[in-house]
PDB file of all heavy atoms in Angstrom:
ATOM      1  N   VAL A   1       1.938   5.646 -15.593  1.00  0.00           N
ATOM      2  CA  VAL A   1       0.683   5.073 -16.055  1.00  0.00           C
ATOM      3  C   VAL A   1       0.848   3.556 -16.077  1.00  0.00           C
ATOM      4  O   VAL A   1       1.838   3.033 -16.575  1.00  0.00           O
ATOM      5  CB  VAL A   1       0.317   5.604 -17.460  1.00  0.00           C
ATOM      6  CG1 VAL A   1      -0.886   4.871 -18.017  1.00  0.00           C
ATOM      7  CG2 VAL A   1       0.052   7.107 -17.413  1.00  0.00           C
ATOM      8  N   GLY A   2      -0.104   2.849 -15.464  1.00  0.00           N
ATOM      9  CA  GLY A   2      -0.016   1.397 -15.373  1.00  0.00           C
ATOM     10  C   GLY A   2       0.955   0.924 -14.311  1.00  0.00           C
ATOM     11  O   GLY A   2       1.272  -0.257 -14.239  1.00  0.00           O
ATOM     12  N   GLY A   3       1.415   1.839 -13.460  1.00  0.00           N
ATOM     13  CA  GLY A   3       2.418   1.513 -12.453  1.00  0.00           C
ATOM     14  C   GLY A   3       1.859   0.727 -11.280  1.00  0.00           C
ATOM     15  O   GLY A   3       0.650   0.519 -11.154  1.00  0.00           O
ATOM     16  N   HIS A   4       2.748   0.278 -10.423  1.00  0.00           N
ATOM     17  CA  HIS A   4       2.397  -0.498  -9.238  1.00  0.00           C
ATOM     18  C   HIS A   4       2.966   0.192  -8.011  1.00  0.00           C
ATOM     19  O   HIS A   4       4.113   0.616  -8.012  1.00  0.00           O
ATOM     20  CB  HIS A   4       2.974  -1.917  -9.324  1.00  0.00           C
ATOM     21  CG  HIS A   4       2.432  -2.706 -10.459  1.00  0.00           C
ATOM     22  ND1 HIS A   4       1.434  -3.618 -10.298  1.00  0.00           N
ATOM     23  CD2 HIS A   4       2.718  -2.693 -11.780  1.00  0.00           C
ATOM     24  CE1 HIS A   4       1.138  -4.152 -11.465  1.00  0.00           C
ATOM     25  NE2 HIS A   4       1.917  -3.602 -12.379  1.00  0.00           N
ATOM     26  N   ILE A   5       2.166   0.280  -6.968  1.00  0.00           N
ATOM     27  CA  ILE A   5       2.601   0.808  -5.684  1.00  0.00           C
ATOM     28  C   ILE A   5       2.521  -0.328  -4.686  1.00  0.00           C
ATOM     29  O   ILE A   5       1.486  -0.989  -4.572  1.00  0.00           O
ATOM     30  CB  ILE A   5       1.710   1.980  -5.220  1.00  0.00           C
ATOM     31  CG1 ILE A   5       1.814   3.135  -6.221  1.00  0.00           C
ATOM     32  CG2 ILE A   5       2.090   2.424  -3.815  1.00  0.00           C
ATOM     33  CD1 ILE A   5       0.830   4.244  -5.964  1.00  0.00           C
ATOM     34  N   CYS A   6       3.609  -0.591  -3.977  1.00  0.00           N
ATOM     35  CA  CYS A   6       3.643  -1.653  -2.975  1.00  0.00           C
ATOM     36  C   CYS A   6       3.635  -1.024  -1.593  1.00  0.00           C
ATOM     37  O   CYS A   6       4.582  -0.329  -1.223  1.00  0.00           O
ATOM     38  CB  CYS A   6       4.888  -2.520  -3.148  1.00  0.00           C
ATOM     39  SG  CYS A   6       4.923  -3.378  -4.734  1.00  0.00           S
ATOM     40  N   GLN A   7       2.574  -1.239  -0.850  1.00  0.00           N
ATOM     41  CA  GLN A   7       2.468  -0.758   0.526  1.00  0.00           C
ATOM     42  C   GLN A   7       3.066  -1.824   1.422  1.00  0.00           C
ATOM     43  O   GLN A   7       2.535  -2.921   1.526  1.00  0.00           O
ATOM     44  CB  GLN A   7       1.013  -0.488   0.900  1.00  0.00           C
ATOM     45  CG  GLN A   7       0.789  -0.205   2.366  1.00  0.00           C
ATOM     46  CD  GLN A   7       1.536   1.016   2.874  1.00  0.00           C
ATOM     47  OE1 GLN A   7       1.714   1.980   2.148  1.00  0.00           O
ATOM     48  NE2 GLN A   7       1.983   0.970   4.107  1.00  0.00           N
ATOM     49  N   ILE A   8       4.180  -1.496   2.065  1.00  0.00           N
ATOM     50  CA  ILE A   8       4.904  -2.462   2.876  1.00  0.00           C
ATOM     51  C   ILE A   8       4.620  -2.188   4.341  1.00  0.00           C
ATOM     52  O   ILE A   8       5.065  -1.186   4.889  1.00  0.00           O
ATOM     53  CB  ILE A   8       6.417  -2.392   2.591  1.00  0.00           C
ATOM     54  CG1 ILE A   8       6.682  -2.619   1.104  1.00  0.00           C
ATOM     55  CG2 ILE A   8       7.171  -3.390   3.458  1.00  0.00           C
ATOM     56  CD1 ILE A   8       8.095  -2.360   0.674  1.00  0.00           C
ATOM     57  N   GLY A   9       3.870  -3.073   4.978  1.00  0.00           N
ATOM     58  CA  GLY A   9       3.589  -2.949   6.401  1.00  0.00           C
ATOM     59  C   GLY A   9       2.628  -1.820   6.721  1.00  0.00           C
ATOM     60  O   GLY A   9       2.177  -1.089   5.849  1.00  0.00           O
ATOM     61  N   ALA A  10       2.289  -1.701   7.981  1.00  0.00           N
ATOM     62  CA  ALA A  10       1.395  -0.653   8.466  1.00  0.00           C
ATOM     63  C   ALA A  10       1.843  -0.272   9.867  1.00  0.00           C
ATOM     64  O   ALA A  10       1.712  -1.058  10.792  1.00  0.00           O
ATOM     65  CB  ALA A  10      -0.046  -1.137   8.479  1.00  0.00           C
ATOM     66  N   LEU A  11       2.386   0.908  10.001  1.00  0.00           N
ATOM     67  CA  LEU A  11       2.895   1.334  11.297  1.00  0.00           C
ATOM     68  C   LEU A  11       1.880   2.135  12.100  1.00  0.00           C
ATOM     69  O   LEU A  11       1.938   2.175  13.309  1.00  0.00           O
ATOM     70  CB  LEU A  11       4.161   2.189  11.115  1.00  0.00           C
ATOM     71  CG  LEU A  11       5.346   1.483  10.470  1.00  0.00           C
ATOM     72  CD1 LEU A  11       6.495   2.464  10.277  1.00  0.00           C
ATOM     73  CD2 LEU A  11       5.790   0.304  11.311  1.00  0.00           C
ATOM     74  N   GLU A  12       0.956   2.787  11.413  1.00  0.00           N
ATOM     75  CA  GLU A  12       0.032   3.693  12.097  1.00  0.00           C
ATOM     76  C   GLU A  12      -1.412   3.391  11.728  1.00  0.00           C
ATOM     77  O   GLU A  12      -2.169   4.279  11.370  1.00  0.00           O
ATOM     78  CB  GLU A  12       0.389   5.137  11.752  1.00  0.00           C
ATOM     79  CG  GLU A  12       1.787   5.516  12.222  1.00  0.00           C
ATOM     80  CD  GLU A  12       2.144   6.949  11.854  1.00  0.00           C
ATOM     81  OE1 GLU A  12       1.230   7.732  11.576  1.00  0.00           O
ATOM     82  OE2 GLU A  12       3.331   7.257  11.858  1.00  0.00           O
ATOM     83  N   GLY A  13      -1.817   2.146  11.772  1.00  0.00           N
ATOM     84  CA  GLY A  13      -3.195   1.800  11.463  1.00  0.00           C
ATOM     85  C   GLY A  13      -3.361   1.325  10.032  1.00  0.00           C
ATOM     86  O   GLY A  13      -2.406   1.259   9.268  1.00  0.00           O
ATOM     87  N   PHE A  14      -4.594   1.014   9.686  1.00  0.00           N
ATOM     88  CA  PHE A  14      -4.859   0.408   8.390  1.00  0.00           C
ATOM     89  C   PHE A  14      -5.758   1.241   7.496  1.00  0.00           C
ATOM     90  O   PHE A  14      -6.174   0.784   6.451  1.00  0.00           O
ATOM     91  CB  PHE A  14      -5.470  -0.986   8.599  1.00  0.00           C
ATOM     92  CG  PHE A  14      -4.514  -1.943   9.255  1.00  0.00           C
ATOM     93  CD1 PHE A  14      -4.582  -2.178  10.619  1.00  0.00           C
ATOM     94  CD2 PHE A  14      -3.534  -2.576   8.531  1.00  0.00           C
ATOM     95  CE1 PHE A  14      -3.699  -3.043  11.230  1.00  0.00           C
ATOM     96  CE2 PHE A  14      -2.636  -3.441   9.132  1.00  0.00           C
ATOM     97  CZ  PHE A  14      -2.719  -3.667  10.490  1.00  0.00           C
ATOM     98  N   ASP A  15      -6.097   2.462   7.897  1.00  0.00           N
ATOM     99  CA  ASP A  15      -6.934   3.317   7.062  1.00  0.00           C
ATOM    100  C   ASP A  15      -6.059   4.046   6.054  1.00  0.00           C
ATOM    101  O   ASP A  15      -4.997   4.570   6.391  1.00  0.00           O
ATOM    102  CB  ASP A  15      -7.684   4.342   7.916  1.00  0.00           C
ATOM    103  CG  ASP A  15      -8.684   3.694   8.848  1.00  0.00           C
ATOM    104  OD1 ASP A  15      -9.224   2.626   8.481  1.00  0.00           O
ATOM    105  OD2 ASP A  15      -8.917   4.244   9.939  1.00  0.00           O
ATOM    106  N   ILE A  16      -6.515   4.076   4.798  1.00  0.00           N
ATOM    107  CA  ILE A  16      -5.779   4.791   3.759  1.00  0.00           C
ATOM    108  C   ILE A  16      -6.728   5.716   3.020  1.00  0.00           C
ATOM    109  O   ILE A  16      -7.938   5.488   2.982  1.00  0.00           O
ATOM    110  CB  ILE A  16      -5.095   3.827   2.763  1.00  0.00           C
ATOM    111  CG1 ILE A  16      -6.127   2.985   2.012  1.00  0.00           C
ATOM    112  CG2 ILE A  16      -4.086   2.958   3.457  1.00  0.00           C
ATOM    113  CD1 ILE A  16      -5.542   2.211   0.854  1.00  0.00           C
ATOM    114  N   SER A  17      -6.161   6.761   2.414  1.00  0.00           N
ATOM    115  CA  SER A  17      -6.943   7.635   1.552  1.00  0.00           C
ATOM    116  C   SER A  17      -6.015   8.232   0.513  1.00  0.00           C
ATOM    117  O   SER A  17      -4.831   8.454   0.758  1.00  0.00           O
ATOM    118  CB  SER A  17      -7.622   8.738   2.366  1.00  0.00           C
ATOM    119  OG  SER A  17      -6.654   9.580   2.946  1.00  0.00           O
ATOM    120  N   ALA A  18      -6.585   8.441  -0.662  1.00  0.00           N
ATOM    121  CA  ALA A  18      -5.846   9.056  -1.760  1.00  0.00           C
ATOM    122  C   ALA A  18      -6.872   9.607  -2.731  1.00  0.00           C
ATOM    123  O   ALA A  18      -8.004   9.110  -2.790  1.00  0.00           O
ATOM    124  CB  ALA A  18      -4.949   8.038  -2.457  1.00  0.00           C
ATOM    125  N   PRO A  19      -6.513  10.627  -3.506  1.00  0.00           N
ATOM    126  CA  PRO A  19      -7.438  11.134  -4.503  1.00  0.00           C
ATOM    127  C   PRO A  19      -7.738  10.053  -5.547  1.00  0.00           C
ATOM    128  O   PRO A  19      -6.824   9.420  -6.075  1.00  0.00           O
ATOM    129  CB  PRO A  19      -6.701  12.321  -5.126  1.00  0.00           C
ATOM    130  CG  PRO A  19      -5.324  12.314  -4.565  1.00  0.00           C
ATOM    131  CD  PRO A  19      -5.254  11.321  -3.459  1.00  0.00           C
ATOM    132  N   ALA A  20      -9.013   9.811  -5.805  1.00  0.00           N
ATOM    133  CA  ALA A  20      -9.425   8.717  -6.691  1.00  0.00           C
ATOM    134  C   ALA A  20      -9.129   8.990  -8.162  1.00  0.00           C
ATOM    135  O   ALA A  20      -8.774   8.074  -8.905  1.00  0.00           O
ATOM    136  CB  ALA A  20     -10.910   8.421  -6.502  1.00  0.00           C
ATOM    137  N   MET A  21      -9.258  10.231  -8.610  1.00  0.00           N
ATOM    138  CA  MET A  21      -9.122  10.514 -10.043  1.00  0.00           C
ATOM    139  C   MET A  21      -7.745  10.153 -10.598  1.00  0.00           C
ATOM    140  O   MET A  21      -7.659   9.422 -11.588  1.00  0.00           O
ATOM    141  CB  MET A  21      -9.462  11.985 -10.324  1.00  0.00           C
ATOM    142  CG  MET A  21      -9.618  12.270 -11.806  1.00  0.00           C
ATOM    143  SD  MET A  21     -10.878  11.258 -12.622  1.00  0.00           S
ATOM    144  CE  MET A  21     -12.347  11.962 -11.940  1.00  0.00           C
ATOM    145  N   PRO A  22      -6.624  10.600  -9.983  1.00  0.00           N
ATOM    146  CA  PRO A  22      -5.325  10.199 -10.540  1.00  0.00           C
ATOM    147  C   PRO A  22      -5.110   8.690 -10.475  1.00  0.00           C
ATOM    148  O   PRO A  22      -4.494   8.101 -11.358  1.00  0.00           O
ATOM    149  CB  PRO A  22      -4.295  10.923  -9.669  1.00  0.00           C
ATOM    150  CG  PRO A  22      -5.033  11.929  -8.879  1.00  0.00           C
ATOM    151  CD  PRO A  22      -6.468  11.538  -8.881  1.00  0.00           C
ATOM    152  N   LEU A  23      -5.646   8.065  -9.435  1.00  0.00           N
ATOM    153  CA  LEU A  23      -5.522   6.617  -9.288  1.00  0.00           C
ATOM    154  C   LEU A  23      -6.188   5.902 -10.462  1.00  0.00           C
ATOM    155  O   LEU A  23      -5.626   4.985 -11.055  1.00  0.00           O
ATOM    156  CB  LEU A  23      -6.153   6.197  -7.963  1.00  0.00           C
ATOM    157  CG  LEU A  23      -5.964   4.782  -7.486  1.00  0.00           C
ATOM    158  CD1 LEU A  23      -4.505   4.491  -7.214  1.00  0.00           C
ATOM    159  CD2 LEU A  23      -6.782   4.543  -6.238  1.00  0.00           C
ATOM    160  N   MET A  24      -7.374   6.351 -10.830  1.00  0.00           N
ATOM    161  CA  MET A  24      -8.114   5.716 -11.928  1.00  0.00           C
ATOM    162  C   MET A  24      -7.540   6.099 -13.292  1.00  0.00           C
ATOM    163  O   MET A  24      -7.409   5.250 -14.169  1.00  0.00           O
ATOM    164  CB  MET A  24      -9.587   6.097 -11.849  1.00  0.00           C
ATOM    165  CG  MET A  24     -10.274   5.499 -10.639  1.00  0.00           C
ATOM    166  SD  MET A  24     -12.049   5.808 -10.573  1.00  0.00           S
ATOM    167  CE  MET A  24     -12.122   7.578 -10.455  1.00  0.00           C
ATOM    168  N   LEU A  25      -7.203   7.372 -13.481  1.00  0.00           N
ATOM    169  CA  LEU A  25      -6.694   7.809 -14.788  1.00  0.00           C
ATOM    170  C   LEU A  25      -5.360   7.154 -15.129  1.00  0.00           C
ATOM    171  O   LEU A  25      -5.084   6.881 -16.290  1.00  0.00           O
ATOM    172  CB  LEU A  25      -6.541   9.332 -14.821  1.00  0.00           C
ATOM    173  CG  LEU A  25      -7.839  10.132 -14.841  1.00  0.00           C
ATOM    174  CD1 LEU A  25      -7.547  11.621 -14.738  1.00  0.00           C
ATOM    175  CD2 LEU A  25      -8.651   9.826 -16.086  1.00  0.00           C
ATOM    176  N   LYS A  26      -4.557   6.897 -14.113  1.00  0.00           N
ATOM    177  CA  LYS A  26      -3.246   6.287 -14.351  1.00  0.00           C
ATOM    178  C   LYS A  26      -3.301   4.767 -14.337  1.00  0.00           C
ATOM    179  O   LYS A  26      -2.310   4.117 -14.639  1.00  0.00           O
ATOM    180  CB  LYS A  26      -2.240   6.766 -13.300  1.00  0.00           C
ATOM    181  CG  LYS A  26      -1.811   8.191 -13.490  1.00  0.00           C
ATOM    182  CD  LYS A  26      -0.776   8.521 -12.444  1.00  0.00           C
ATOM    183  CE  LYS A  26       0.177   9.537 -12.960  1.00  0.00           C
ATOM    184  NZ  LYS A  26       1.294   9.749 -12.033  1.00  0.00           N
ATOM    185  N   ASP A  27      -4.433   4.190 -13.950  1.00  0.00           N
ATOM    186  CA  ASP A  27      -4.572   2.734 -13.878  1.00  0.00           C
ATOM    187  C   ASP A  27      -3.479   2.126 -13.001  1.00  0.00           C
ATOM    188  O   ASP A  27      -2.796   1.176 -13.365  1.00  0.00           O
ATOM    189  CB  ASP A  27      -4.549   2.124 -15.285  1.00  0.00           C
ATOM    190  CG  ASP A  27      -4.919   0.659 -15.283  1.00  0.00           C
ATOM    191  OD1 ASP A  27      -5.650   0.229 -14.376  1.00  0.00           O
ATOM    192  OD2 ASP A  27      -4.452  -0.072 -16.182  1.00  0.00           O
ATOM    193  N   VAL A  28      -3.317   2.707 -11.813  1.00  0.00           N
ATOM    194  CA  VAL A  28      -2.294   2.275 -10.864  1.00  0.00           C
ATOM    195  C   VAL A  28      -2.833   1.103 -10.042  1.00  0.00           C
ATOM    196  O   VAL A  28      -3.994   1.083  -9.656  1.00  0.00           O
ATOM    197  CB  VAL A  28      -1.901   3.446  -9.932  1.00  0.00           C
ATOM    198  CG1 VAL A  28      -1.012   2.978  -8.801  1.00  0.00           C
ATOM    199  CG2 VAL A  28      -1.220   4.544 -10.729  1.00  0.00           C
ATOM    200  N   THR A  29      -1.992   0.124  -9.778  1.00  0.00           N
ATOM    201  CA  THR A  29      -2.341  -1.014  -8.932  1.00  0.00           C
ATOM    202  C   THR A  29      -1.609  -0.876  -7.601  1.00  0.00           C
ATOM    203  O   THR A  29      -0.410  -0.605  -7.572  1.00  0.00           O
ATOM    204  CB  THR A  29      -1.916  -2.337  -9.604  1.00  0.00           C
ATOM    205  OG1 THR A  29      -2.556  -2.429 -10.873  1.00  0.00           O
ATOM    206  CG2 THR A  29      -2.308  -3.531  -8.756  1.00  0.00           C
ATOM    207  N   ILE A  30      -2.353  -1.063  -6.506  1.00  0.00           N
ATOM    208  CA  ILE A  30      -1.758  -0.999  -5.175  1.00  0.00           C
ATOM    209  C   ILE A  30      -1.688  -2.408  -4.604  1.00  0.00           C
ATOM    210  O   ILE A  30      -2.684  -3.121  -4.584  1.00  0.00           O
ATOM    211  CB  ILE A  30      -2.582  -0.097  -4.236  1.00  0.00           C
ATOM    212  CG1 ILE A  30      -2.655   1.314  -4.820  1.00  0.00           C
ATOM    213  CG2 ILE A  30      -1.984  -0.085  -2.832  1.00  0.00           C
ATOM    214  CD1 ILE A  30      -3.575   2.238  -4.061  1.00  0.00           C
ATOM    215  N   HIS A  31      -0.494  -2.819  -4.172  1.00  0.00           N
ATOM    216  CA  HIS A  31      -0.269  -4.135  -3.595  1.00  0.00           C
ATOM    217  C   HIS A  31       0.061  -3.977  -2.117  1.00  0.00           C
ATOM    218  O   HIS A  31       0.907  -3.169  -1.756  1.00  0.00           O
ATOM    219  CB  HIS A  31       0.916  -4.843  -4.268  1.00  0.00           C
ATOM    220  CG  HIS A  31       0.793  -5.003  -5.731  1.00  0.00           C
ATOM    221  ND1 HIS A  31       0.125  -6.051  -6.301  1.00  0.00           N
ATOM    222  CD2 HIS A  31       1.234  -4.232  -6.748  1.00  0.00           C
ATOM    223  CE1 HIS A  31       0.169  -5.928  -7.618  1.00  0.00           C
ATOM    224  NE2 HIS A  31       0.833  -4.832  -7.913  1.00  0.00           N
ATOM    225  N   GLY A  32      -0.575  -4.744  -1.274  1.00  0.00           N
ATOM    226  CA  GLY A  32      -0.234  -4.765   0.144  1.00  0.00           C
ATOM    227  C   GLY A  32       0.750  -5.890   0.419  1.00  0.00           C
ATOM    228  O   GLY A  32       0.570  -7.007  -0.048  1.00  0.00           O
ATOM    229  N   ILE A  33       1.811  -5.591   1.160  1.00  0.00           N
ATOM    230  CA  ILE A  33       2.833  -6.588   1.474  1.00  0.00           C
ATOM    231  C   ILE A  33       2.955  -6.685   2.991  1.00  0.00           C
ATOM    232  O   ILE A  33       3.361  -5.717   3.647  1.00  0.00           O
ATOM    233  CB  ILE A  33       4.194  -6.201   0.849  1.00  0.00           C
ATOM    234  CG1 ILE A  33       4.064  -6.138  -0.675  1.00  0.00           C
ATOM    235  CG2 ILE A  33       5.281  -7.186   1.282  1.00  0.00           C
ATOM    236  CD1 ILE A  33       5.308  -5.649  -1.368  1.00  0.00           C
ATOM    237  N   GLY A  34       2.593  -7.834   3.533  1.00  0.00           N
ATOM    238  CA  GLY A  34       2.729  -8.059   4.969  1.00  0.00           C
ATOM    239  C   GLY A  34       4.172  -8.291   5.341  1.00  0.00           C
ATOM    240  O   GLY A  34       4.956  -8.820   4.553  1.00  0.00           O
ATOM    241  N   THR A  35       4.533  -7.903   6.549  1.00  0.00           N
ATOM    242  CA  THR A  35       5.935  -8.006   6.942  1.00  0.00           C
ATOM    243  C   THR A  35       6.179  -8.923   8.128  1.00  0.00           C
ATOM    244  O   THR A  35       7.297  -9.059   8.573  1.00  0.00           O
ATOM    245  CB  THR A  35       6.486  -6.611   7.286  1.00  0.00           C
ATOM    246  OG1 THR A  35       5.673  -6.039   8.314  1.00  0.00           O
ATOM    247  CG2 THR A  35       6.504  -5.717   6.087  1.00  0.00           C
ATOM    248  N   GLY A  36       5.144  -9.539   8.657  1.00  0.00           N
ATOM    249  CA  GLY A  36       5.340 -10.419   9.800  1.00  0.00           C
ATOM    250  C   GLY A  36       5.218  -9.676  11.112  1.00  0.00           C
ATOM    251  O   GLY A  36       4.999  -8.478  11.168  1.00  0.00           O
ATOM    252  N   SER A  37       5.404 -10.414  12.173  1.00  0.00           N
ATOM    253  CA  SER A  37       5.220  -9.853  13.515  1.00  0.00           C
ATOM    254  C   SER A  37       6.502  -9.202  14.021  1.00  0.00           C
ATOM    255  O   SER A  37       7.596  -9.461  13.523  1.00  0.00           O
ATOM    256  CB  SER A  37       4.820 -10.963  14.490  1.00  0.00           C
ATOM    257  OG  SER A  37       5.910 -11.850  14.678  1.00  0.00           O
ATOM    258  N   ARG A  38       6.352  -8.388  15.038  1.00  0.00           N
ATOM    259  CA  ARG A  38       7.514  -7.766  15.688  1.00  0.00           C
ATOM    260  C   ARG A  38       8.415  -8.830  16.287  1.00  0.00           C
ATOM    261  O   ARG A  38       9.636  -8.742  16.217  1.00  0.00           O
ATOM    262  CB  ARG A  38       7.042  -6.782  16.753  1.00  0.00           C
ATOM    263  CG  ARG A  38       8.192  -6.113  17.474  1.00  0.00           C
ATOM    264  CD  ARG A  38       7.711  -5.183  18.567  1.00  0.00           C
ATOM    265  NE  ARG A  38       8.815  -4.546  19.196  1.00  0.00           N
ATOM    266  CZ  ARG A  38       9.132  -3.274  19.061  1.00  0.00           C
ATOM    267  NH1 ARG A  38       8.389  -2.496  18.313  1.00  0.00           N
ATOM    268  NH2 ARG A  38      10.177  -2.774  19.681  1.00  0.00           N
ATOM    269  N   ARG A  39       7.827  -9.870  16.890  1.00  0.00           N
ATOM    270  CA  ARG A  39       8.605 -10.945  17.503  1.00  0.00           C
ATOM    271  C   ARG A  39       9.487 -11.632  16.450  1.00  0.00           C
ATOM    272  O   ARG A  39      10.657 -11.920  16.691  1.00  0.00           O
ATOM    273  CB  ARG A  39       7.700 -11.959  18.178  1.00  0.00           C
ATOM    274  CG  ARG A  39       8.508 -13.088  18.832  1.00  0.00           C
ATOM    275  CD  ARG A  39       7.634 -14.124  19.489  1.00  0.00           C
ATOM    276  NE  ARG A  39       6.956 -13.507  20.622  1.00  0.00           N
ATOM    277  CZ  ARG A  39       5.839 -13.968  21.165  1.00  0.00           C
ATOM    278  NH1 ARG A  39       5.271 -15.040  20.669  1.00  0.00           N
ATOM    279  NH2 ARG A  39       5.300 -13.378  22.194  1.00  0.00           N
ATOM    280  N   ALA A  40       8.915 -11.889  15.268  1.00  0.00           N
ATOM    281  CA  ALA A  40       9.693 -12.533  14.206  1.00  0.00           C
ATOM    282  C   ALA A  40      10.849 -11.632  13.766  1.00  0.00           C
ATOM    283  O   ALA A  40      11.966 -12.114  13.535  1.00  0.00           O
ATOM    284  CB  ALA A  40       8.793 -12.876  13.025  1.00  0.00           C
ATOM    285  N   LEU A  41      10.597 -10.332  13.671  1.00  0.00           N
ATOM    286  CA  LEU A  41      11.660  -9.405  13.298  1.00  0.00           C
ATOM    287  C   LEU A  41      12.757  -9.380  14.360  1.00  0.00           C
ATOM    288  O   LEU A  41      13.950  -9.393  14.034  1.00  0.00           O
ATOM    289  CB  LEU A  41      11.094  -7.995  13.098  1.00  0.00           C
ATOM    290  CG  LEU A  41      12.126  -6.909  12.798  1.00  0.00           C
ATOM    291  CD1 LEU A  41      12.894  -7.212  11.518  1.00  0.00           C
ATOM    292  CD2 LEU A  41      11.454  -5.550  12.721  1.00  0.00           C
ATOM    293  N   GLU A  42      12.380  -9.369  15.618  1.00  0.00           N
ATOM    294  CA  GLU A  42      13.372  -9.368  16.691  1.00  0.00           C
ATOM    295  C   GLU A  42      14.226 -10.635  16.650  1.00  0.00           C
ATOM    296  O   GLU A  42      15.441 -10.577  16.858  1.00  0.00           O
ATOM    297  CB  GLU A  42      12.688  -9.215  18.047  1.00  0.00           C
ATOM    298  CG  GLU A  42      12.110  -7.825  18.268  1.00  0.00           C
ATOM    299  CD  GLU A  42      11.219  -7.724  19.491  1.00  0.00           C
ATOM    300  OE1 GLU A  42      10.833  -8.775  20.067  1.00  0.00           O
ATOM    301  OE2 GLU A  42      10.901  -6.581  19.872  1.00  0.00           O
TER     302      GLU A  42
END
């Protein structure tokens, strides 16, 4: 409850889905974290 979820990167597109009720009841925060380009990683 009150936790944080960090979404790191996107390998298969940018659409997300999750059940809304547990998300709201737990007051969870979702953070998106960009990881840079493939060229930078290489």
